[in-house]
């Protein structure tokens, strides 16, 4: 089944925004990387990847302008089994492809105007859980099943 696995927020201050999500909500930093014309910092709540995107000054790429000027929810991602097949399907609905040809993930403007992207399964990893917590979960599950 396809599922939403990622949400990207276009932000003005990467460090302050990171600190906020970590301290207020306990999100864990997964990685930070320079991608084309922006820096992307990935955080996780344990289920969904939340990317904080800070575009380079002066960039005018289609992706940077896709959701408008200033901070906003930039896009969300849907994990699919086959990116090529899903791309053909979205094209059949007349969706505008925003990302450059050959770039994965495939960003597009969905009907209604929102920006979405197609990602292959497994692109976004969940934070590793502590072994002790995993053992405790297994033990509790076994105890519950014995009742």
N, C-alpha and C. Protein backbone atom coordinates (compact mmCIF):
# COMPACT_ATOMS: atom_id res chain seq x y z
N UNK A 1 0.85 -1.18 0.00
CA UNK A 1 0.00 0.00 0.00
C UNK A 1 0.90 1.25 0.00
N UNK A 2 0.55 2.22 -0.80
CA UNK A 2 1.26 3.49 -0.82
C UNK A 2 0.91 4.24 0.46
N UNK A 3 1.87 5.05 0.95
CA UNK A 3 1.62 5.79 2.18
C UNK A 3 2.44 7.06 2.22
N UNK A 4 1.95 8.04 2.96
CA UNK A 4 2.70 9.28 3.16
C UNK A 4 3.83 8.98 4.13
N UNK A 5 5.07 9.34 3.74
CA UNK A 5 6.24 9.03 4.56
C UNK A 5 7.08 10.27 4.88
N UNK A 6 6.70 11.43 4.31
CA UNK A 6 7.60 12.58 4.39
C UNK A 6 6.80 13.87 4.23
N UNK A 7 7.21 14.87 4.98
CA UNK A 7 6.62 16.21 4.89
C UNK A 7 7.77 17.20 4.90
N UNK A 8 7.78 18.15 3.98
CA UNK A 8 8.86 19.12 3.90
C UNK A 8 8.35 20.52 4.22
N UNK A 9 9.07 21.20 5.10
CA UNK A 9 8.73 22.56 5.50
C UNK A 9 9.82 23.50 4.98
N UNK A 10 9.42 24.51 4.24
CA UNK A 10 10.35 25.53 3.76
C UNK A 10 10.51 26.54 4.89
N UNK A 11 11.74 26.73 5.39
CA UNK A 11 11.98 27.56 6.57
C UNK A 11 13.01 28.65 6.28
N UNK A 12 12.97 29.69 7.12
CA UNK A 12 13.94 30.78 6.98
C UNK A 12 15.19 30.54 7.83
N UNK A 13 15.03 29.94 9.02
CA UNK A 13 16.14 29.74 9.94
C UNK A 13 16.23 28.26 10.30
N UNK A 14 17.17 27.57 9.66
CA UNK A 14 17.30 26.13 9.82
C UNK A 14 17.64 25.74 11.26
N UNK A 15 18.58 26.44 11.87
CA UNK A 15 19.02 26.07 13.22
C UNK A 15 17.94 26.31 14.26
N UNK A 16 17.31 27.45 14.22
CA UNK A 16 16.26 27.76 15.21
C UNK A 16 15.08 26.81 15.05
N UNK A 17 14.71 26.52 13.82
CA UNK A 17 13.59 25.61 13.57
C UNK A 17 13.92 24.20 14.03
N UNK A 18 15.15 23.75 13.78
CA UNK A 18 15.58 22.44 14.25
C UNK A 18 15.49 22.35 15.76
N UNK A 19 16.03 23.35 16.44
CA UNK A 19 16.01 23.38 17.90
C UNK A 19 14.56 23.30 18.42
N UNK A 20 13.67 24.04 17.79
CA UNK A 20 12.26 24.03 18.20
C UNK A 20 11.68 22.62 18.14
N UNK A 21 11.78 21.95 16.99
CA UNK A 21 11.17 20.63 16.83
C UNK A 21 11.84 19.58 17.73
N UNK A 22 13.14 19.74 17.98
CA UNK A 22 13.82 18.79 18.86
C UNK A 22 13.41 19.01 20.33
N UNK A 23 13.43 20.24 20.77
CA UNK A 23 13.17 20.52 22.19
C UNK A 23 11.69 20.46 22.55
N UNK A 24 10.83 20.92 21.68
CA UNK A 24 9.40 20.95 22.00
C UNK A 24 8.74 19.59 21.76
N UNK A 25 9.08 18.92 20.66
CA UNK A 25 8.39 17.68 20.30
C UNK A 25 9.25 16.43 20.40
N UNK A 26 10.55 16.59 20.64
CA UNK A 26 11.42 15.43 20.78
C UNK A 26 11.80 14.76 19.47
N UNK A 27 11.67 15.46 18.34
CA UNK A 27 12.05 14.88 17.06
C UNK A 27 13.56 14.62 17.07
N UNK A 28 13.99 13.59 16.37
CA UNK A 28 15.40 13.20 16.27
C UNK A 28 15.94 13.61 14.91
N UNK A 29 17.17 14.15 14.92
CA UNK A 29 17.81 14.51 13.65
C UNK A 29 18.33 13.25 12.99
N UNK A 30 17.99 13.08 11.72
CA UNK A 30 18.42 11.91 10.97
C UNK A 30 19.65 12.22 10.12
N UNK A 31 19.61 13.31 9.36
CA UNK A 31 20.76 13.74 8.56
C UNK A 31 20.51 15.13 7.99
N UNK A 32 21.60 15.77 7.59
CA UNK A 32 21.55 17.08 6.94
C UNK A 32 22.41 16.98 5.69
N UNK A 33 21.88 17.49 4.58
CA UNK A 33 22.65 17.42 3.35
C UNK A 33 22.34 18.60 2.43
N UNK A 34 23.31 18.94 1.61
CA UNK A 34 23.14 19.96 0.58
C UNK A 34 22.61 19.25 -0.66
N UNK A 35 21.46 19.69 -1.15
CA UNK A 35 20.83 19.08 -2.32
C UNK A 35 20.52 20.19 -3.32
N UNK A 36 21.09 20.06 -4.51
CA UNK A 36 20.91 21.06 -5.55
C UNK A 36 21.02 22.49 -5.00
N UNK A 37 19.87 23.19 -4.82
CA UNK A 37 19.91 24.61 -4.42
C UNK A 37 19.39 24.84 -3.00
N UNK A 38 19.48 23.82 -2.14
CA UNK A 38 19.01 23.99 -0.77
C UNK A 38 19.72 23.05 0.19
N UNK A 39 19.61 23.38 1.46
CA UNK A 39 20.06 22.48 2.53
C UNK A 39 18.81 21.83 3.09
N UNK A 40 18.87 20.53 3.26
CA UNK A 40 17.73 19.76 3.74
C UNK A 40 18.13 19.02 5.02
N UNK A 41 17.47 19.35 6.12
CA UNK A 41 17.72 18.67 7.39
C UNK A 41 16.52 17.79 7.70
N UNK A 42 16.77 16.50 7.82
CA UNK A 42 15.71 15.53 8.06
C UNK A 42 15.61 15.20 9.53
N UNK A 43 14.40 15.35 10.07
CA UNK A 43 14.08 14.99 11.44
C UNK A 43 13.04 13.88 11.38
N UNK A 44 12.85 13.17 12.47
CA UNK A 44 11.81 12.15 12.49
C UNK A 44 11.09 12.14 13.82
N UNK A 45 9.79 11.90 13.75
CA UNK A 45 8.99 11.71 14.95
C UNK A 45 8.89 10.23 15.29
N UNK A 46 9.61 9.41 14.55
CA UNK A 46 9.57 7.97 14.72
C UNK A 46 8.74 7.27 13.67
N UNK A 47 7.93 8.03 12.95
CA UNK A 47 7.08 7.45 11.91
C UNK A 47 7.27 8.19 10.58
N UNK A 48 7.19 9.51 10.62
CA UNK A 48 7.27 10.32 9.40
C UNK A 48 8.55 11.15 9.39
N UNK A 49 9.17 11.22 8.22
CA UNK A 49 10.33 12.07 8.00
C UNK A 49 9.84 13.50 7.80
N UNK A 50 10.38 14.43 8.59
CA UNK A 50 10.04 15.85 8.44
C UNK A 50 11.33 16.56 8.01
N UNK A 51 11.31 17.09 6.79
CA UNK A 51 12.49 17.79 6.27
C UNK A 51 12.30 19.29 6.45
N UNK A 52 13.33 19.92 6.97
CA UNK A 52 13.37 21.38 7.05
C UNK A 52 14.26 21.82 5.90
N UNK A 53 13.70 22.62 4.99
CA UNK A 53 14.41 23.03 3.79
C UNK A 53 14.73 24.51 3.85
N UNK A 54 15.99 24.84 3.65
CA UNK A 54 16.44 26.23 3.56
C UNK A 54 17.06 26.40 2.18
N UNK A 55 16.36 27.15 1.30
CA UNK A 55 16.87 27.38 -0.05
C UNK A 55 17.99 28.41 -0.03
N UNK A 56 18.93 28.25 -0.96
CA UNK A 56 20.04 29.19 -1.10
C UNK A 56 19.51 30.56 -1.51
N UNK A 57 20.18 31.60 -1.06
CA UNK A 57 19.80 32.97 -1.42
C UNK A 57 19.86 33.13 -2.94
N UNK A 58 18.84 33.74 -3.50
CA UNK A 58 18.81 34.05 -4.92
C UNK A 58 18.39 32.92 -5.84
N UNK A 59 18.11 31.74 -5.29
CA UNK A 59 17.70 30.64 -6.17
C UNK A 59 16.32 30.92 -6.76
N UNK A 60 16.14 30.50 -8.00
CA UNK A 60 14.86 30.69 -8.68
C UNK A 60 14.41 29.42 -9.36
N UNK A 61 14.82 28.26 -8.83
CA UNK A 61 14.44 26.99 -9.44
C UNK A 61 12.93 26.78 -9.32
N UNK A 62 12.40 25.95 -10.18
CA UNK A 62 10.96 25.64 -10.13
C UNK A 62 10.60 25.04 -8.78
N UNK A 63 11.47 24.17 -8.23
CA UNK A 63 11.20 23.56 -6.93
C UNK A 63 11.13 24.60 -5.82
N UNK A 64 12.06 25.56 -5.83
CA UNK A 64 12.10 26.56 -4.75
C UNK A 64 10.87 27.45 -4.76
N UNK A 65 10.29 27.65 -5.92
CA UNK A 65 9.13 28.53 -6.05
C UNK A 65 7.79 27.77 -6.06
N UNK A 66 7.84 26.43 -6.05
CA UNK A 66 6.65 25.60 -6.23
C UNK A 66 5.54 25.89 -5.22
N UNK A 67 5.88 26.15 -3.98
CA UNK A 67 4.86 26.36 -2.95
C UNK A 67 4.70 27.84 -2.59
N UNK A 68 5.37 28.69 -3.34
CA UNK A 68 5.25 30.13 -3.08
C UNK A 68 6.44 30.68 -2.33
N UNK A 69 6.36 31.96 -2.07
CA UNK A 69 7.43 32.67 -1.36
C UNK A 69 7.33 32.43 0.14
N UNK A 70 8.44 32.52 0.81
CA UNK A 70 8.46 32.47 2.28
C UNK A 70 8.22 31.09 2.85
N UNK A 71 8.24 31.01 4.18
CA UNK A 71 8.05 29.73 4.87
C UNK A 71 6.67 29.14 4.59
N UNK A 72 6.62 27.82 4.47
CA UNK A 72 5.34 27.15 4.18
C UNK A 72 5.54 25.65 4.25
N UNK A 73 4.44 24.92 4.21
CA UNK A 73 4.55 23.50 3.95
C UNK A 73 4.87 23.41 2.46
N UNK A 74 6.00 22.87 2.13
CA UNK A 74 6.48 22.86 0.75
C UNK A 74 5.90 21.71 -0.05
N UNK A 75 5.98 20.49 0.51
CA UNK A 75 5.44 19.33 -0.18
C UNK A 75 5.32 18.16 0.78
N UNK A 76 4.64 17.11 0.34
CA UNK A 76 4.63 15.85 1.07
C UNK A 76 5.00 14.76 0.08
N UNK A 77 5.45 13.62 0.61
CA UNK A 77 5.89 12.54 -0.27
C UNK A 77 5.06 11.29 -0.04
N UNK A 78 4.78 10.61 -1.14
CA UNK A 78 4.08 9.33 -1.09
C UNK A 78 5.05 8.26 -1.56
N UNK A 79 5.21 7.25 -0.72
CA UNK A 79 6.07 6.12 -1.04
C UNK A 79 5.32 5.17 -1.97
N UNK A 80 5.95 4.80 -3.08
CA UNK A 80 5.30 3.93 -4.07
C UNK A 80 6.22 2.75 -4.41
N UNK A 81 5.60 1.68 -4.90
CA UNK A 81 6.37 0.49 -5.29
C UNK A 81 7.22 0.76 -6.54
N UNK A 82 6.67 1.53 -7.48
CA UNK A 82 7.35 1.75 -8.75
C UNK A 82 7.20 3.22 -9.14
N UNK A 83 8.29 3.98 -9.03
CA UNK A 83 8.25 5.42 -9.30
C UNK A 83 7.90 5.69 -10.77
N UNK A 84 8.46 4.91 -11.69
CA UNK A 84 8.17 5.13 -13.12
C UNK A 84 6.69 4.92 -13.43
N UNK A 85 6.12 3.83 -12.91
CA UNK A 85 4.69 3.54 -13.16
C UNK A 85 3.81 4.63 -12.54
N UNK A 86 4.15 5.06 -11.33
CA UNK A 86 3.36 6.10 -10.67
C UNK A 86 3.49 7.43 -11.42
N UNK A 87 4.67 7.71 -11.97
CA UNK A 87 4.87 8.93 -12.75
C UNK A 87 3.97 8.91 -13.99
N UNK A 88 3.87 7.78 -14.63
CA UNK A 88 2.98 7.66 -15.80
C UNK A 88 1.53 7.92 -15.39
N UNK A 89 1.14 7.39 -14.22
CA UNK A 89 -0.23 7.61 -13.75
C UNK A 89 -0.50 9.08 -13.47
N UNK A 90 0.44 9.77 -12.81
CA UNK A 90 0.18 11.18 -12.50
C UNK A 90 0.16 12.02 -13.77
N UNK A 91 0.98 11.65 -14.75
CA UNK A 91 0.95 12.35 -16.05
C UNK A 91 -0.41 12.17 -16.73
N UNK A 92 -1.01 10.98 -16.57
CA UNK A 92 -2.31 10.73 -17.20
C UNK A 92 -3.40 11.60 -16.60
N UNK A 93 -3.17 12.13 -15.41
CA UNK A 93 -4.10 13.06 -14.78
C UNK A 93 -3.78 14.51 -15.14
N UNK A 94 -2.76 14.71 -15.98
CA UNK A 94 -2.39 16.05 -16.41
C UNK A 94 -1.58 16.82 -15.39
N UNK A 95 -0.97 16.12 -14.44
CA UNK A 95 -0.17 16.80 -13.41
C UNK A 95 1.12 17.36 -13.99
N UNK A 96 1.49 18.55 -13.53
CA UNK A 96 2.74 19.20 -13.94
C UNK A 96 3.90 18.61 -13.15
N UNK A 97 4.92 18.11 -13.85
CA UNK A 97 6.13 17.62 -13.18
C UNK A 97 7.00 18.83 -12.90
N UNK A 98 7.40 19.00 -11.64
CA UNK A 98 8.18 20.16 -11.22
C UNK A 98 9.67 19.86 -11.20
N UNK A 99 10.05 18.65 -10.79
CA UNK A 99 11.47 18.31 -10.69
C UNK A 99 12.08 18.17 -12.08
N UNK A 100 13.39 18.31 -12.14
CA UNK A 100 14.11 18.16 -13.39
C UNK A 100 13.99 16.72 -13.90
N UNK A 101 14.06 16.52 -15.22
CA UNK A 101 13.97 15.17 -15.79
C UNK A 101 15.03 14.25 -15.18
N UNK A 102 14.61 13.04 -14.83
CA UNK A 102 15.54 12.04 -14.30
C UNK A 102 15.82 12.16 -12.81
N UNK A 103 15.30 13.19 -12.16
CA UNK A 103 15.54 13.39 -10.73
C UNK A 103 14.51 12.60 -9.92
N UNK A 104 15.01 11.86 -8.95
CA UNK A 104 14.13 11.17 -8.00
C UNK A 104 14.48 11.73 -6.64
N UNK A 105 13.51 12.17 -5.88
CA UNK A 105 12.08 11.97 -6.04
C UNK A 105 11.50 12.83 -7.16
N UNK A 106 10.33 12.41 -7.64
CA UNK A 106 9.63 13.13 -8.70
C UNK A 106 8.61 14.05 -8.04
N UNK A 107 8.90 15.37 -8.10
CA UNK A 107 7.96 16.36 -7.55
C UNK A 107 6.97 16.74 -8.65
N UNK A 108 5.70 16.92 -8.22
CA UNK A 108 4.67 17.31 -9.18
C UNK A 108 3.59 18.12 -8.49
N UNK A 109 2.84 18.86 -9.29
CA UNK A 109 1.70 19.62 -8.77
C UNK A 109 0.46 18.75 -8.98
N UNK A 110 -0.14 18.37 -7.85
CA UNK A 110 -1.32 17.49 -7.88
C UNK A 110 -2.57 18.30 -8.22
N UNK A 111 -3.64 17.63 -8.65
CA UNK A 111 -4.90 18.35 -8.84
C UNK A 111 -5.26 19.07 -7.53
N UNK A 112 -5.67 20.29 -7.63
CA UNK A 112 -5.94 21.10 -6.45
C UNK A 112 -4.80 22.06 -6.15
N UNK A 113 -3.62 21.83 -6.78
CA UNK A 113 -2.52 22.77 -6.68
C UNK A 113 -1.42 22.44 -5.69
N UNK A 114 -1.60 21.44 -4.83
CA UNK A 114 -0.56 21.13 -3.85
C UNK A 114 0.63 20.43 -4.51
N UNK A 115 1.79 20.55 -3.87
CA UNK A 115 3.00 19.92 -4.37
C UNK A 115 3.20 18.60 -3.63
N UNK A 116 3.44 17.56 -4.39
CA UNK A 116 3.64 16.22 -3.86
C UNK A 116 4.88 15.65 -4.54
N UNK A 117 5.43 14.57 -3.97
CA UNK A 117 6.52 13.89 -4.65
C UNK A 117 6.37 12.38 -4.48
N UNK A 118 6.88 11.67 -5.47
CA UNK A 118 6.90 10.22 -5.45
C UNK A 118 8.27 9.77 -4.99
N UNK A 119 8.31 8.86 -4.02
CA UNK A 119 9.59 8.33 -3.54
C UNK A 119 9.54 6.81 -3.55
N UNK A 120 10.69 6.17 -3.79
CA UNK A 120 10.71 4.71 -3.75
C UNK A 120 10.63 4.20 -2.32
N UNK A 121 10.12 3.00 -2.15
CA UNK A 121 10.01 2.40 -0.81
C UNK A 121 11.38 2.38 -0.14
N UNK A 122 11.38 2.70 1.15
CA UNK A 122 12.61 2.64 1.94
C UNK A 122 13.47 3.88 1.89
N UNK A 123 13.05 4.92 1.19
CA UNK A 123 13.88 6.14 1.10
C UNK A 123 14.08 6.78 2.45
N UNK A 124 13.03 6.82 3.27
CA UNK A 124 13.12 7.48 4.57
C UNK A 124 13.17 6.43 5.67
N UNK A 125 14.21 6.53 6.47
CA UNK A 125 14.42 5.58 7.55
C UNK A 125 13.85 6.12 8.85
N UNK A 126 13.42 5.20 9.71
CA UNK A 126 12.95 5.57 11.04
C UNK A 126 14.16 5.59 11.97
N UNK A 127 14.10 6.41 13.04
CA UNK A 127 15.22 6.40 13.98
C UNK A 127 15.35 5.03 14.63
N UNK A 128 16.58 4.65 14.88
CA UNK A 128 16.83 3.36 15.54
C UNK A 128 16.29 3.41 16.96
N UNK A 129 15.66 2.33 17.37
CA UNK A 129 15.18 2.27 18.76
C UNK A 129 16.26 1.62 19.60
N UNK A 130 16.23 1.89 20.86
CA UNK A 130 17.22 1.33 21.77
C UNK A 130 16.93 -0.15 21.96
N UNK A 131 17.98 -0.98 21.97
CA UNK A 131 17.77 -2.42 22.14
C UNK A 131 16.97 -2.77 23.41
N UNK A 132 17.20 -2.06 24.50
CA UNK A 132 16.47 -2.36 25.73
C UNK A 132 14.98 -2.11 25.56
N UNK A 133 14.65 -1.04 24.85
CA UNK A 133 13.24 -0.73 24.61
C UNK A 133 12.61 -1.81 23.74
N UNK A 134 13.35 -2.31 22.76
CA UNK A 134 12.84 -3.37 21.89
C UNK A 134 12.59 -4.64 22.69
N UNK A 135 13.53 -4.98 23.56
CA UNK A 135 13.38 -6.18 24.38
C UNK A 135 12.18 -6.06 25.30
N UNK A 136 12.00 -4.89 25.88
CA UNK A 136 10.87 -4.68 26.79
C UNK A 136 9.55 -4.82 26.05
N UNK A 137 9.49 -4.31 24.82
CA UNK A 137 8.27 -4.42 24.01
C UNK A 137 7.96 -5.89 23.73
N UNK A 138 8.99 -6.66 23.32
CA UNK A 138 8.79 -8.07 23.02
C UNK A 138 8.31 -8.82 24.26
N UNK A 139 8.94 -8.53 25.39
CA UNK A 139 8.58 -9.20 26.64
C UNK A 139 7.14 -8.91 27.02
N UNK A 140 6.73 -7.65 26.90
CA UNK A 140 5.35 -7.26 27.22
C UNK A 140 4.36 -7.92 26.27
N UNK A 141 4.72 -8.02 25.01
CA UNK A 141 3.85 -8.63 24.01
C UNK A 141 3.66 -10.12 24.31
N UNK A 142 4.76 -10.81 24.68
CA UNK A 142 4.68 -12.22 25.02
C UNK A 142 3.80 -12.45 26.25
N UNK A 143 4.00 -11.61 27.25
CA UNK A 143 3.22 -11.72 28.49
C UNK A 143 1.74 -11.51 28.22
N UNK A 144 1.44 -10.56 27.36
CA UNK A 144 0.05 -10.27 27.02
C UNK A 144 -0.59 -11.43 26.25
N UNK A 145 0.16 -12.05 25.36
CA UNK A 145 -0.38 -13.15 24.55
C UNK A 145 -0.61 -14.42 25.39
N UNK A 146 0.10 -14.55 26.51
CA UNK A 146 -0.09 -15.70 27.40
C UNK A 146 -1.38 -15.60 28.21
N UNK A 147 -1.89 -14.43 28.37
CA UNK A 147 -3.10 -14.22 29.19
C UNK A 147 -4.34 -14.70 28.55
